[in-house]
Amino acid sequence: MKTLPLSGAKITASLILLLSFAWSAASEGPAGSTAAPAPAAPAATGVGDPPLPLPAFAALGSSFAQTNRLGELGWSEDQINAFVHGVKAALHGQAIAMDDTARQVSAEMARRLQQGEERRRQQSADDFSQPGRLERYLKEKRKRYAMERSDSGLVYFIQPGQAGVRPRPGDTVIVSCVATAADGKTKLPQLSNDHAHIKLENLLPGFMEGLQMMTVDSQARFILPPALSFGDGEWPPGVDRGTPLLFMVTLHEVISAESNPANPP
């Protein structure tokens, strides 16, 4: 038997249904009663029919728990046993009444399931290996920040500086940058620098392209798709492979290769 995965709302509803089984059964009985009438016995399917195999029920329970990620609830062994005891009590017409504490537990379990689903949605959104995911991400960022996109795929926004000098291949630049992951929040200090002296050719391809559009004292925002950063090569530790990289950049100075051919310190 195959158990279909449920949506977040259905997962939460299923858990709440289970958690409130005893409460619902009790509320249908006489006022003040905590017990519900025993369910009617199922009709016999025929003389001599074999009973349904118990291992199949155990497998069904495991499938439901795994498919709907009930392990995220973080229950202890005692809590699991208490939950099963409550289900059994309700099925035998001796439901255990819900009180304020039980309702708080029910709300907490629903919250944990919702948090788990939100984490999975975020992980799915950050999975740039999915077809079309990178293009959708870049399109959304371009629209949000009014950015442009070059033929190579670099997404950029440049605020002009005071001087008109642009770096060219062979030049050395003095540049500051703050790098973040694709979420725009996670700082990447291993890719960030303050007033770094570096030859243009030693920069990431997308970074090199973007700097050649800048003038001294200008600032820019770059989004480098994987092909314009580390591509199929080795990625730095702590940087998720195959993800876009965001840079806030300031170009402080351009040292011309003609005027100063020696490497900077």
C-alpha atoms as a PDB file:
ATOM      1  CA  MET A   1       0.000   0.000   0.000  1.00  0.00           C
ATOM      2  CA  LYS A   2       1.392   3.414  -0.972  1.00  0.00           C
ATOM      3  CA  THR A   3       0.808   6.380   1.318  1.00  0.00           C
ATOM      4  CA  LEU A   4       0.602   9.682  -0.519  1.00  0.00           C
ATOM      5  CA  PRO A   5       2.410  12.687   1.015  1.00  0.00           C
ATOM      6  CA  LEU A   6       0.161  15.365   2.450  1.00  0.00           C
ATOM      7  CA  SER A   7       0.459  19.112   2.069  1.00  0.00           C
ATOM      8  CA  GLY A   8       1.495  21.191   5.076  1.00  0.00           C
ATOM      9  CA  ALA A   9      -2.077  22.065   5.946  1.00  0.00           C
ATOM     10  CA  LYS A  10      -3.167  18.452   5.613  1.00  0.00           C
ATOM     11  CA  ILE A  11      -0.235  17.213   7.686  1.00  0.00           C
ATOM     12  CA  THR A  12      -1.109  19.629  10.438  1.00  0.00           C
ATOM     13  CA  ALA A  13      -4.784  18.789  10.165  1.00  0.00           C
ATOM     14  CA  SER A  14      -4.027  15.065  10.309  1.00  0.00           C
ATOM     15  CA  LEU A  15      -1.947  15.457  13.434  1.00  0.00           C
ATOM     16  CA  ILE A  16      -4.513  17.664  15.117  1.00  0.00           C
ATOM     17  CA  LEU A  17      -7.169  15.129  14.196  1.00  0.00           C
ATOM     18  CA  LEU A  18      -5.179  12.389  15.885  1.00  0.00           C
ATOM     19  CA  LEU A  19      -4.325  14.515  18.882  1.00  0.00           C
ATOM     20  CA  SER A  20      -7.939  15.573  19.345  1.00  0.00           C
ATOM     21  CA  PHE A  21      -9.476  12.126  18.707  1.00  0.00           C
ATOM     22  CA  ALA A  22     -10.085  11.473  22.365  1.00  0.00           C
ATOM     23  CA  TRP A  23     -11.394  14.986  22.963  1.00  0.00           C
ATOM     24  CA  SER A  24     -13.864  14.787  20.082  1.00  0.00           C
ATOM     25  CA  ALA A  25     -15.112  11.376  21.175  1.00  0.00           C
ATOM     26  CA  ALA A  26     -15.578  12.536  24.740  1.00  0.00           C
ATOM     27  CA  SER A  27     -17.479  15.662  23.719  1.00  0.00           C
ATOM     28  CA  GLU A  28     -20.114  13.567  21.965  1.00  0.00           C
ATOM     29  CA  GLY A  29     -21.056  11.772  25.184  1.00  0.00           C
ATOM     30  CA  PRO A  30     -23.230  13.006  28.039  1.00  0.00           C
ATOM     31  CA  ALA A  31     -22.188  16.211  29.782  1.00  0.00           C
ATOM     32  CA  GLY A  32     -19.335  15.560  32.197  1.00  0.00           C
ATOM     33  CA  SER A  33     -18.600  12.169  30.669  1.00  0.00           C
ATOM     34  CA  THR A  34     -15.104  11.351  29.394  1.00  0.00           C
ATOM     35  CA  ALA A  35     -16.120   8.187  27.569  1.00  0.00           C
ATOM     36  CA  ALA A  36     -17.747   7.706  24.178  1.00  0.00           C
ATOM     37  CA  PRO A  37     -19.833   4.772  22.993  1.00  0.00           C
ATOM     38  CA  ALA A  38     -17.756   1.851  21.788  1.00  0.00           C
ATOM     39  CA  PRO A  39     -17.549   1.694  17.987  1.00  0.00           C
ATOM     40  CA  ALA A  40     -19.629  -0.960  16.273  1.00  0.00           C
ATOM     41  CA  ALA A  41     -17.789  -4.115  15.308  1.00  0.00           C
ATOM     42  CA  PRO A  42     -17.033  -4.355  11.576  1.00  0.00           C
ATOM     43  CA  ALA A  43     -19.219  -6.680   9.603  1.00  0.00           C
ATOM     44  CA  ALA A  44     -17.755 -10.089   8.828  1.00  0.00           C
ATOM     45  CA  THR A  45     -16.636 -10.541   5.255  1.00  0.00           C
ATOM     46  CA  GLY A  46     -17.282 -14.259   5.189  1.00  0.00           C
ATOM     47  CA  VAL A  47     -16.812 -17.388   7.224  1.00  0.00           C
ATOM     48  CA  GLY A  48     -13.217 -18.432   7.345  1.00  0.00           C
ATOM     49  CA  ASP A  49     -11.796 -15.141   6.022  1.00  0.00           C
ATOM     50  CA  PRO A  50      -8.246 -14.785   7.302  1.00  0.00           C
ATOM     51  CA  PRO A  51      -7.579 -11.787   9.587  1.00  0.00           C
ATOM     52  CA  LEU A  52      -5.711  -8.841   8.103  1.00  0.00           C
ATOM     53  CA  PRO A  53      -1.976  -9.269   8.831  1.00  0.00           C
ATOM     54  CA  LEU A  54      -0.722  -7.200  11.739  1.00  0.00           C
ATOM     55  CA  PRO A  55       2.694  -6.444  10.159  1.00  0.00           C
ATOM     56  CA  ALA A  56       0.818  -4.630   7.389  1.00  0.00           C
ATOM     57  CA  PHE A  57      -0.739  -2.286   9.958  1.00  0.00           C
ATOM     58  CA  ALA A  58       2.681  -1.681  11.485  1.00  0.00           C
ATOM     59  CA  ALA A  59       4.082  -0.880   8.032  1.00  0.00           C
ATOM     60  CA  LEU A  60       1.170   1.452   7.366  1.00  0.00           C
ATOM     61  CA  GLY A  61       1.896   3.353  10.583  1.00  0.00           C
ATOM     62  CA  SER A  62       5.587   3.645   9.715  1.00  0.00           C
ATOM     63  CA  SER A  63       4.769   4.816   6.196  1.00  0.00           C
ATOM     64  CA  PHE A  64       2.421   7.490   7.489  1.00  0.00           C
ATOM     65  CA  ALA A  65       4.964   8.735  10.038  1.00  0.00           C
ATOM     66  CA  GLN A  66       7.808   8.858   7.496  1.00  0.00           C
ATOM     67  CA  THR A  67       5.815  10.292   4.611  1.00  0.00           C
ATOM     68  CA  ASN A  68       4.422  13.077   6.756  1.00  0.00           C
ATOM     69  CA  ARG A  69       7.691  13.607   8.682  1.00  0.00           C
ATOM     70  CA  LEU A  70       6.206  13.107  12.115  1.00  0.00           C
ATOM     71  CA  GLY A  71       9.739  12.528  13.368  1.00  0.00           C
ATOM     72  CA  GLU A  72      10.128  16.313  13.263  1.00  0.00           C
ATOM     73  CA  LEU A  73       7.866  16.516  16.294  1.00  0.00           C
ATOM     74  CA  GLY A  74      10.748  15.381  18.488  1.00  0.00           C
ATOM     75  CA  TRP A  75       8.676  13.145  20.758  1.00  0.00           C
ATOM     76  CA  SER A  76      10.376  11.060  23.421  1.00  0.00           C
ATOM     77  CA  GLU A  77       9.638   7.355  23.795  1.00  0.00           C
ATOM     78  CA  ASP A  78       7.358   8.077  26.751  1.00  0.00           C
ATOM     79  CA  GLN A  79       5.449  10.707  24.759  1.00  0.00           C
ATOM     80  CA  ILE A  80       4.965   8.292  21.861  1.00  0.00           C
ATOM     81  CA  ASN A  81       3.687   5.603  24.225  1.00  0.00           C
ATOM     82  CA  ALA A  82       1.304   8.073  25.875  1.00  0.00           C
ATOM     83  CA  PHE A  83      -0.031   9.130  22.473  1.00  0.00           C
ATOM     84  CA  VAL A  84      -0.616   5.500  21.424  1.00  0.00           C
ATOM     85  CA  HIS A  85      -2.310   4.840  24.763  1.00  0.00           C
ATOM     86  CA  GLY A  86      -4.688   7.723  24.108  1.00  0.00           C
ATOM     87  CA  VAL A  87      -5.581   6.426  20.648  1.00  0.00           C
ATOM     88  CA  LYS A  88      -6.266   2.965  22.063  1.00  0.00           C
ATOM     89  CA  ALA A  89      -8.410   4.434  24.830  1.00  0.00           C
ATOM     90  CA  ALA A  90     -10.547   6.326  22.342  1.00  0.00           C
ATOM     91  CA  LEU A  91     -10.958   3.281  20.108  1.00  0.00           C
ATOM     92  CA  HIS A  92     -12.191   1.329  23.132  1.00  0.00           C
ATOM     93  CA  GLY A  93     -14.733   3.980  24.040  1.00  0.00           C
ATOM     94  CA  GLN A  94     -12.734   5.338  26.976  1.00  0.00           C
ATOM     95  CA  ALA A  95     -11.433   8.549  25.487  1.00  0.00           C
ATOM     96  CA  ILE A  96      -9.206  10.746  27.609  1.00  0.00           C
ATOM     97  CA  ALA A  97     -10.574  14.274  27.797  1.00  0.00           C
ATOM     98  CA  MET A  98      -8.599  17.187  26.359  1.00  0.00           C
ATOM     99  CA  ASP A  99      -7.625  19.854  28.884  1.00  0.00           C
ATOM    100  CA  ASP A 100      -5.775  23.142  28.490  1.00  0.00           C
ATOM    101  CA  THR A 101      -2.385  21.432  28.665  1.00  0.00           C
ATOM    102  CA  ALA A 102      -3.335  18.950  25.948  1.00  0.00           C
ATOM    103  CA  ARG A 103      -4.579  21.773  23.732  1.00  0.00           C
ATOM    104  CA  GLN A 104      -1.280  23.600  24.229  1.00  0.00           C
ATOM    105  CA  VAL A 105       0.600  20.451  23.216  1.00  0.00           C
ATOM    106  CA  SER A 106      -1.609  20.144  20.111  1.00  0.00           C
ATOM    107  CA  ALA A 107      -0.846  23.739  19.118  1.00  0.00           C
ATOM    108  CA  GLU A 108       2.882  23.197  19.687  1.00  0.00           C
ATOM    109  CA  MET A 109       2.906  20.077  17.506  1.00  0.00           C
ATOM    110  CA  ALA A 110       1.127  21.958  14.720  1.00  0.00           C
ATOM    111  CA  ARG A 111       3.695  24.746  15.009  1.00  0.00           C
ATOM    112  CA  ARG A 112       6.619  22.323  14.734  1.00  0.00           C
ATOM    113  CA  LEU A 113       5.165  20.706  11.627  1.00  0.00           C
ATOM    114  CA  GLN A 114       4.631  24.115  10.051  1.00  0.00           C
ATOM    115  CA  GLN A 115       8.212  25.124  10.815  1.00  0.00           C
ATOM    116  CA  GLY A 116       9.462  21.905   9.209  1.00  0.00           C
ATOM    117  CA  GLU A 117       7.487  22.583   6.067  1.00  0.00           C
ATOM    118  CA  GLU A 118       8.766  26.154   5.893  1.00  0.00           C
ATOM    119  CA  ARG A 119      12.339  24.858   6.143  1.00  0.00           C
ATOM    120  CA  ARG A 120      11.703  22.439   3.297  1.00  0.00           C
ATOM    121  CA  ARG A 121      10.202  25.190   1.158  1.00  0.00           C
ATOM    122  CA  GLN A 122      13.268  27.338   1.765  1.00  0.00           C
ATOM    123  CA  GLN A 123      15.612  24.460   0.943  1.00  0.00           C
ATOM    124  CA  SER A 124      13.671  23.828  -2.251  1.00  0.00           C
ATOM    125  CA  ALA A 125      13.873  27.522  -3.152  1.00  0.00           C
ATOM    126  CA  ASP A 126      17.660  27.424  -2.632  1.00  0.00           C
ATOM    127  CA  ASP A 127      18.129  24.323  -4.800  1.00  0.00           C
ATOM    128  CA  PHE A 128      19.542  25.854  -7.965  1.00  0.00           C
ATOM    129  CA  SER A 129      19.983  22.433  -9.561  1.00  0.00           C
ATOM    130  CA  GLN A 130      16.255  22.404 -10.331  1.00  0.00           C
ATOM    131  CA  PRO A 131      15.510  23.234 -13.983  1.00  0.00           C
ATOM    132  CA  GLY A 132      14.763  26.922 -14.432  1.00  0.00           C
ATOM    133  CA  ARG A 133      15.405  27.780 -10.775  1.00  0.00           C
ATOM    134  CA  LEU A 134      18.455  29.959 -11.483  1.00  0.00           C
ATOM    135  CA  GLU A 135      16.681  31.914 -14.231  1.00  0.00           C
ATOM    136  CA  ARG A 136      13.690  32.584 -12.004  1.00  0.00           C
ATOM    137  CA  TYR A 137      15.989  33.752  -9.205  1.00  0.00           C
ATOM    138  CA  LEU A 138      17.915  36.141 -11.458  1.00  0.00           C
ATOM    139  CA  LYS A 139      14.709  37.493 -12.990  1.00  0.00           C
ATOM    140  CA  GLU A 140      13.236  38.165  -9.559  1.00  0.00           C
ATOM    141  CA  LYS A 141      16.393  39.960  -8.382  1.00  0.00           C
ATOM    142  CA  ARG A 142      16.571  42.082 -11.530  1.00  0.00           C
ATOM    143  CA  LYS A 143      13.005  43.210 -11.005  1.00  0.00           C
ATOM    144  CA  ARG A 144      13.386  43.848  -7.275  1.00  0.00           C
ATOM    145  CA  TYR A 145      16.591  45.889  -7.530  1.00  0.00           C
ATOM    146  CA  ALA A 146      16.124  47.402 -11.026  1.00  0.00           C
ATOM    147  CA  MET A 147      19.270  45.669 -12.270  1.00  0.00           C
ATOM    148  CA  GLU A 148      20.605  45.005 -15.754  1.00  0.00           C
ATOM    149  CA  ARG A 149      21.887  41.777 -17.260  1.00  0.00           C
ATOM    150  CA  SER A 150      24.856  41.451 -19.601  1.00  0.00           C
ATOM    151  CA  ASP A 151      25.175  39.010 -22.484  1.00  0.00           C
ATOM    152  CA  SER A 152      27.361  36.779 -20.320  1.00  0.00           C
ATOM    153  CA  GLY A 153      24.682  36.536 -17.624  1.00  0.00           C
ATOM    154  CA  LEU A 154      26.114  38.993 -15.085  1.00  0.00           C
ATOM    155  CA  VAL A 155      23.352  40.850 -13.248  1.00  0.00           C
ATOM    156  CA  TYR A 156      24.443  44.324 -12.134  1.00  0.00           C
ATOM    157  CA  PHE A 157      23.505  47.779 -10.935  1.00  0.00           C
ATOM    158  CA  ILE A 158      26.175  50.491 -10.996  1.00  0.00           C
ATOM    159  CA  GLN A 159      26.071  53.883  -9.347  1.00  0.00           C
ATOM    160  CA  PRO A 160      28.521  56.158 -11.220  1.00  0.00           C
ATOM    161  CA  GLY A 161      31.551  57.587  -9.443  1.00  0.00           C
ATOM    162  CA  GLN A 162      33.301  60.947  -9.703  1.00  0.00           C
ATOM    163  CA  ALA A 163      36.230  60.027 -11.928  1.00  0.00           C
ATOM    164  CA  GLY A 164      35.907  58.590 -15.404  1.00  0.00           C
ATOM    165  CA  VAL A 165      38.771  56.100 -15.196  1.00  0.00           C
ATOM    166  CA  ARG A 166      37.726  52.501 -15.884  1.00  0.00           C
ATOM    167  CA  PRO A 167      39.957  49.489 -15.244  1.00  0.00           C
ATOM    168  CA  ARG A 168      41.225  47.511 -18.225  1.00  0.00           C
ATOM    169  CA  PRO A 169      42.849  44.076 -18.532  1.00  0.00           C
ATOM    170  CA  GLY A 170      46.310  44.249 -16.995  1.00  0.00           C
ATOM    171  CA  ASP A 171      45.376  46.990 -14.519  1.00  0.00           C
ATOM    172  CA  THR A 172      45.435  46.622 -10.770  1.00  0.00           C
ATOM    173  CA  VAL A 173      42.408  47.739  -8.781  1.00  0.00           C
ATOM    174  CA  ILE A 174      41.894  48.731  -5.165  1.00  0.00           C
ATOM    175  CA  VAL A 175      38.453  47.471  -4.319  1.00  0.00           C
ATOM    176  CA  SER A 176      36.220  46.743  -1.340  1.00  0.00           C
ATOM    177  CA  CYS A 177      33.418  44.215  -1.466  1.00  0.00           C
ATOM    178  CA  VAL A 178      30.955  42.508   0.835  1.00  0.00           C
ATOM    179  CA  ALA A 179      29.822  39.094  -0.376  1.00  0.00           C
ATOM    180  CA  THR A 180      26.643  37.303   0.601  1.00  0.00           C
ATOM    181  CA  ALA A 181      25.043  34.002  -0.314  1.00  0.00           C
ATOM    182  CA  ALA A 182      22.032  33.711  -2.590  1.00  0.00           C
ATOM    183  CA  ASP A 183      19.646  34.487   0.275  1.00  0.00           C
ATOM    184  CA  GLY A 184      21.113  37.982   0.459  1.00  0.00           C
ATOM    185  CA  LYS A 185      21.584  37.636   4.222  1.00  0.00           C
ATOM    186  CA  THR A 186      24.318  35.084   4.893  1.00  0.00           C
ATOM    187  CA  LYS A 187      27.639  36.937   4.910  1.00  0.00           C
ATOM    188  CA  LEU A 188      30.585  35.286   3.182  1.00  0.00           C
ATOM    189  CA  PRO A 189      33.681  36.798   4.810  1.00  0.00           C
ATOM    190  CA  GLN A 190      35.930  34.437   2.842  1.00  0.00           C
ATOM    191  CA  LEU A 191      34.915  36.301  -0.323  1.00  0.00           C
ATOM    192  CA  SER A 192      34.820  39.803   1.173  1.00  0.00           C
ATOM    193  CA  ASN A 193      37.668  42.331   1.236  1.00  0.00           C
ATOM    194  CA  ASP A 194      38.408  45.886   2.321  1.00  0.00           C
ATOM    195  CA  HIS A 195      40.673  47.949   0.057  1.00  0.00           C
ATOM    196  CA  ALA A 196      42.214  44.878  -1.535  1.00  0.00           C
ATOM    197  CA  HIS A 197      44.935  45.378  -4.167  1.00  0.00           C
ATOM    198  CA  ILE A 198      44.471  42.850  -6.947  1.00  0.00           C
ATOM    199  CA  LYS A 199      45.089  42.486 -10.645  1.00  0.00           C
ATOM    200  CA  LEU A 200      41.928  42.481 -12.707  1.00  0.00           C
ATOM    201  CA  GLU A 201      42.743  39.077 -14.253  1.00  0.00           C
ATOM    202  CA  ASN A 202      42.922  37.453 -10.818  1.00  0.00           C
ATOM    203  CA  LEU A 203      39.285  38.172 -10.046  1.00  0.00           C
ATOM    204  CA  LEU A 204      36.272  35.953 -10.687  1.00  0.00           C
ATOM    205  CA  PRO A 205      35.089  36.262 -14.321  1.00  0.00           C
ATOM    206  CA  GLY A 206      31.863  38.040 -13.425  1.00  0.00           C
ATOM    207  CA  PHE A 207      33.663  40.338 -11.009  1.00  0.00           C
ATOM    208  CA  MET A 208      36.246  41.212 -13.653  1.00  0.00           C
ATOM    209  CA  GLU A 209      33.514  41.992 -16.175  1.00  0.00           C
ATOM    210  CA  GLY A 210      31.552  44.145 -13.755  1.00  0.00           C
ATOM    211  CA  LEU A 211      34.530  46.204 -12.605  1.00  0.00           C
ATOM    212  CA  GLN A 212      35.292  47.199 -16.191  1.00  0.00           C
ATOM    213  CA  MET A 213      31.887  48.926 -16.268  1.00  0.00           C
ATOM    214  CA  MET A 214      32.751  50.955 -13.155  1.00  0.00           C
ATOM    215  CA  THR A 215      34.670  54.184 -12.653  1.00  0.00           C
ATOM    216  CA  VAL A 216      36.720  55.249  -9.644  1.00  0.00           C
ATOM    217  CA  ASP A 217      34.553  55.943  -6.563  1.00  0.00           C
ATOM    218  CA  SER A 218      31.552  54.186  -8.093  1.00  0.00           C
ATOM    219  CA  GLN A 219      29.571  51.557  -6.225  1.00  0.00           C
ATOM    220  CA  ALA A 220      27.822  48.514  -7.620  1.00  0.00           C
ATOM    221  CA  ARG A 221      25.747  45.473  -6.850  1.00  0.00           C
ATOM    222  CA  PHE A 222      26.710  42.296  -8.710  1.00  0.00           C
ATOM    223  CA  ILE A 223      24.981  38.944  -8.865  1.00  0.00           C
ATOM    224  CA  LEU A 224      27.293  36.318 -10.274  1.00  0.00           C
ATOM    225  CA  PRO A 225      25.667  33.135 -11.580  1.00  0.00           C
ATOM    226  CA  PRO A 226      27.775  30.018 -10.946  1.00  0.00           C
ATOM    227  CA  ALA A 227      29.224  30.060 -14.477  1.00  0.00           C
ATOM    228  CA  LEU A 228      30.756  33.493 -13.771  1.00  0.00           C
ATOM    229  CA  SER A 229      32.161  32.634 -10.343  1.00  0.00           C
ATOM    230  CA  PHE A 230      33.689  29.237  -9.564  1.00  0.00           C
ATOM    231  CA  GLY A 231      31.781  27.204 -12.170  1.00  0.00           C
ATOM    232  CA  ASP A 232      32.834  23.548 -12.240  1.00  0.00           C
ATOM    233  CA  GLY A 233      36.006  24.236 -10.276  1.00  0.00           C
ATOM    234  CA  GLU A 234      36.688  24.085  -6.566  1.00  0.00           C
ATOM    235  CA  TRP A 235      34.415  26.222  -4.404  1.00  0.00           C
ATOM    236  CA  PRO A 236      35.640  27.813  -1.172  1.00  0.00           C
ATOM    237  CA  PRO A 237      34.712  26.094   2.096  1.00  0.00           C
ATOM    238  CA  GLY A 238      31.462  27.439   3.475  1.00  0.00           C
ATOM    239  CA  VAL A 239      30.152  28.552   0.080  1.00  0.00           C
ATOM    240  CA  ASP A 240      27.329  26.460  -1.350  1.00  0.00           C
ATOM    241  CA  ARG A 241      28.400  24.996  -4.655  1.00  0.00           C
ATOM    242  CA  GLY A 242      26.403  25.979  -7.725  1.00  0.00           C
ATOM    243  CA  THR A 243      24.646  28.968  -6.165  1.00  0.00           C
ATOM    244  CA  PRO A 244      24.606  32.636  -7.230  1.00  0.00           C
ATOM    245  CA  LEU A 245      26.852  34.999  -5.297  1.00  0.00           C
ATOM    246  CA  LEU A 246      25.993  38.604  -4.397  1.00  0.00           C
ATOM    247  CA  PHE A 247      28.554  41.386  -4.075  1.00  0.00           C
ATOM    248  CA  MET A 248      28.327  44.985  -2.917  1.00  0.00           C
ATOM    249  CA  VAL A 249      31.368  46.646  -4.483  1.00  0.00           C
ATOM    250  CA  THR A 250      33.236  49.949  -4.220  1.00  0.00           C
ATOM    251  CA  LEU A 251      36.044  50.744  -6.689  1.00  0.00           C
ATOM    252  CA  HIS A 252      38.559  52.995  -4.922  1.00  0.00           C
ATOM    253  CA  GLU A 253      41.422  53.260  -7.381  1.00  0.00           C
ATOM    254  CA  VAL A 254      42.738  51.992 -10.708  1.00  0.00           C
ATOM    255  CA  ILE A 255      46.490  51.521 -11.122  1.00  0.00           C
ATOM    256  CA  SER A 256      47.248  51.413 -14.825  1.00  0.00           C
ATOM    257  CA  ALA A 257      49.449  48.617 -16.069  1.00  0.00           C
ATOM    258  CA  GLU A 258      51.275  51.126 -18.285  1.00  0.00           C
ATOM    259  CA  SER A 259      52.073  53.582 -15.510  1.00  0.00           C
ATOM    260  CA  ASN A 260      52.962  50.954 -12.899  1.00  0.00           C
ATOM    261  CA  PRO A 261      53.818  47.585 -14.457  1.00  0.00           C
ATOM    262  CA  ALA A 262      55.189  46.180 -11.191  1.00  0.00           C
ATOM    263  CA  ASN A 263      52.862  44.035  -9.094  1.00  0.00           C
ATOM    264  CA  PRO A 264      51.398  45.878  -6.090  1.00  0.00           C
ATOM    265  CA  PRO A 265      52.358  44.693  -2.606  1.00  0.00           C
END
